[in-house]
Amino acid sequence: MTLISLWFAFAYRRPLFWIYLPICTAIIFSMVYLRFHYVIDIAAGVAFAGITLLLGSAIRAWWTTGVLDRSGRSYISSPPRPLTPSA
């Protein structure tokens, strides 16, 4: 979570990234120093964050192109149906 929030701060709010950077670095360092995690856990977390960011952007790109139902219409880009008054 720390690395993903740091990545989004870097991508979308650059001034906030510079505030988050020392905090995130301290969190990562303290997890090893206080023996809550091993260094290999941190490496696995970095790999997990990278995979999550890559898969997240791929899924978002797939989703925004539109998911088709059996009739060939897109669930996302079809216009909304008009409301009908209930009797």
C-alpha atoms as a PDB file:
ATOM      1  CA  MET A   1       0.000   0.000   0.000  1.00  0.00           C
ATOM      2  CA  THR A   2       2.844   2.354   0.794  1.00  0.00           C
ATOM      3  CA  LEU A   3       4.500   1.976  -2.592  1.00  0.00           C
ATOM      4  CA  ILE A   4       1.232   2.157  -4.524  1.00  0.00           C
ATOM      5  CA  SER A   5       0.211   5.386  -2.779  1.00  0.00           C
ATOM      6  CA  LEU A   6       3.701   6.731  -3.427  1.00  0.00           C
ATOM      7  CA  TRP A   7       3.378   5.838  -7.116  1.00  0.00           C
ATOM      8  CA  PHE A   8       0.017   7.595  -7.471  1.00  0.00           C
ATOM      9  CA  ALA A   9       1.373  10.661  -5.691  1.00  0.00           C
ATOM     10  CA  PHE A  10       4.272  10.667  -8.158  1.00  0.00           C
ATOM     11  CA  ALA A  11       1.970  10.245 -11.151  1.00  0.00           C
ATOM     12  CA  TYR A  12      -0.789  12.694 -10.226  1.00  0.00           C
ATOM     13  CA  ARG A  13       0.318  15.023  -7.417  1.00  0.00           C
ATOM     14  CA  ARG A  14       4.045  15.664  -7.720  1.00  0.00           C
ATOM     15  CA  PRO A  15       4.334  18.120  -4.772  1.00  0.00           C
ATOM     16  CA  LEU A  16       2.587  15.582  -2.547  1.00  0.00           C
ATOM     17  CA  PHE A  17       5.090  12.957  -3.687  1.00  0.00           C
ATOM     18  CA  TRP A  18       7.947  14.904  -2.119  1.00  0.00           C
ATOM     19  CA  ILE A  19       6.042  15.021   1.168  1.00  0.00           C
ATOM     20  CA  TYR A  20       5.227  11.285   1.021  1.00  0.00           C
ATOM     21  CA  LEU A  21       8.725  10.163   0.019  1.00  0.00           C
ATOM     22  CA  PRO A  22      10.484  10.537   3.407  1.00  0.00           C
ATOM     23  CA  ILE A  23       7.437   9.152   5.231  1.00  0.00           C
ATOM     24  CA  CYS A  24       7.220   6.082   2.983  1.00  0.00           C
ATOM     25  CA  THR A  25      10.956   5.534   3.174  1.00  0.00           C
ATOM     26  CA  ALA A  26      10.770   5.686   6.977  1.00  0.00           C
ATOM     27  CA  ILE A  27       7.877   3.212   7.034  1.00  0.00           C
ATOM     28  CA  ILE A  28       9.756   0.728   4.854  1.00  0.00           C
ATOM     29  CA  PHE A  29      12.976   1.111   6.850  1.00  0.00           C
ATOM     30  CA  SER A  30      11.184   0.809  10.182  1.00  0.00           C
ATOM     31  CA  MET A  31       9.420  -2.414   9.153  1.00  0.00           C
ATOM     32  CA  VAL A  32      12.817  -4.089   8.766  1.00  0.00           C
ATOM     33  CA  TYR A  33      14.505  -2.316  11.667  1.00  0.00           C
ATOM     34  CA  LEU A  34      11.756  -3.200  14.152  1.00  0.00           C
ATOM     35  CA  ARG A  35      11.701  -6.794  12.858  1.00  0.00           C
ATOM     36  CA  PHE A  36       8.110  -6.792  11.678  1.00  0.00           C
ATOM     37  CA  HIS A  37       9.265  -7.881   8.196  1.00  0.00           C
ATOM     38  CA  TYR A  38      12.359  -9.370   6.589  1.00  0.00           C
ATOM     39  CA  VAL A  39      14.113  -7.705   3.663  1.00  0.00           C
ATOM     40  CA  ILE A  40      12.713 -10.388   1.358  1.00  0.00           C
ATOM     41  CA  ASP A  41       9.211  -9.283   2.411  1.00  0.00           C
ATOM     42  CA  ILE A  42      10.011  -5.772   1.243  1.00  0.00           C
ATOM     43  CA  ALA A  43      11.296  -7.119  -2.089  1.00  0.00           C
ATOM     44  CA  ALA A  44       8.121  -9.175  -2.488  1.00  0.00           C
ATOM     45  CA  GLY A  45       6.072  -6.062  -1.683  1.00  0.00           C
ATOM     46  CA  VAL A  46       7.881  -4.092  -4.379  1.00  0.00           C
ATOM     47  CA  ALA A  47       7.182  -6.893  -6.877  1.00  0.00           C
ATOM     48  CA  PHE A  48       3.545  -7.097  -5.775  1.00  0.00           C
ATOM     49  CA  ALA A  49       3.117  -3.317  -6.147  1.00  0.00           C
ATOM     50  CA  GLY A  50       4.619  -3.418  -9.655  1.00  0.00           C
ATOM     51  CA  ILE A  51       2.413  -6.288 -10.764  1.00  0.00           C
ATOM     52  CA  THR A  52      -0.647  -4.616  -9.255  1.00  0.00           C
ATOM     53  CA  LEU A  53       0.041  -1.346 -11.055  1.00  0.00           C
ATOM     54  CA  LEU A  54       0.626  -3.098 -14.389  1.00  0.00           C
ATOM     55  CA  LEU A  55      -2.436  -5.302 -14.106  1.00  0.00           C
ATOM     56  CA  GLY A  56      -4.547  -2.405 -12.879  1.00  0.00           C
ATOM     57  CA  SER A  57      -3.721  -0.255 -15.892  1.00  0.00           C
ATOM     58  CA  ALA A  58      -4.295  -3.188 -18.268  1.00  0.00           C
ATOM     59  CA  ILE A  59      -7.678  -3.992 -16.713  1.00  0.00           C
ATOM     60  CA  ARG A  60      -8.680  -0.334 -16.813  1.00  0.00           C
ATOM     61  CA  ALA A  61      -7.740  -0.079 -20.496  1.00  0.00           C
ATOM     62  CA  TRP A  62      -9.751  -3.225 -21.249  1.00  0.00           C
ATOM     63  CA  TRP A  63     -12.737  -2.003 -19.253  1.00  0.00           C
ATOM     64  CA  THR A  64     -12.888   1.456 -20.854  1.00  0.00           C
ATOM     65  CA  THR A  65     -12.921  -0.005 -24.365  1.00  0.00           C
ATOM     66  CA  GLY A  66     -16.274  -1.533 -23.504  1.00  0.00           C
ATOM     67  CA  VAL A  67     -17.461  -4.927 -22.518  1.00  0.00           C
ATOM     68  CA  LEU A  68     -19.728  -6.470 -25.135  1.00  0.00           C
ATOM     69  CA  ASP A  69     -22.757  -8.565 -24.393  1.00  0.00           C
ATOM     70  CA  ARG A  70     -24.011 -11.341 -26.675  1.00  0.00           C
ATOM     71  CA  SER A  71     -25.855  -8.952 -28.994  1.00  0.00           C
ATOM     72  CA  GLY A  72     -22.665  -6.980 -29.654  1.00  0.00           C
ATOM     73  CA  ARG A  73     -23.738  -3.915 -27.685  1.00  0.00           C
ATOM     74  CA  SER A  74     -21.442  -2.407 -25.132  1.00  0.00           C
ATOM     75  CA  TYR A  75     -22.533  -2.260 -21.525  1.00  0.00           C
ATOM     76  CA  ILE A  76     -20.554   0.914 -21.002  1.00  0.00           C
ATOM     77  CA  SER A  77     -21.139   2.997 -24.119  1.00  0.00           C
ATOM     78  CA  SER A  78     -24.836   2.288 -24.678  1.00  0.00           C
ATOM     79  CA  PRO A  79     -27.106   5.243 -24.001  1.00  0.00           C
ATOM     80  CA  PRO A  80     -29.202   5.077 -20.866  1.00  0.00           C
ATOM     81  CA  ARG A  81     -32.751   3.840 -21.199  1.00  0.00           C
ATOM     82  CA  PRO A  82     -35.486   6.404 -20.579  1.00  0.00           C
ATOM     83  CA  LEU A  83     -37.343   6.163 -17.328  1.00  0.00           C
ATOM     84  CA  THR A  84     -40.877   4.888 -17.619  1.00  0.00           C
ATOM     85  CA  PRO A  85     -43.503   5.995 -15.148  1.00  0.00           C
ATOM     86  CA  SER A  86     -44.783   3.232 -12.931  1.00  0.00           C
ATOM     87  CA  ALA A  87     -48.502   2.650 -12.856  1.00  0.00           C
END
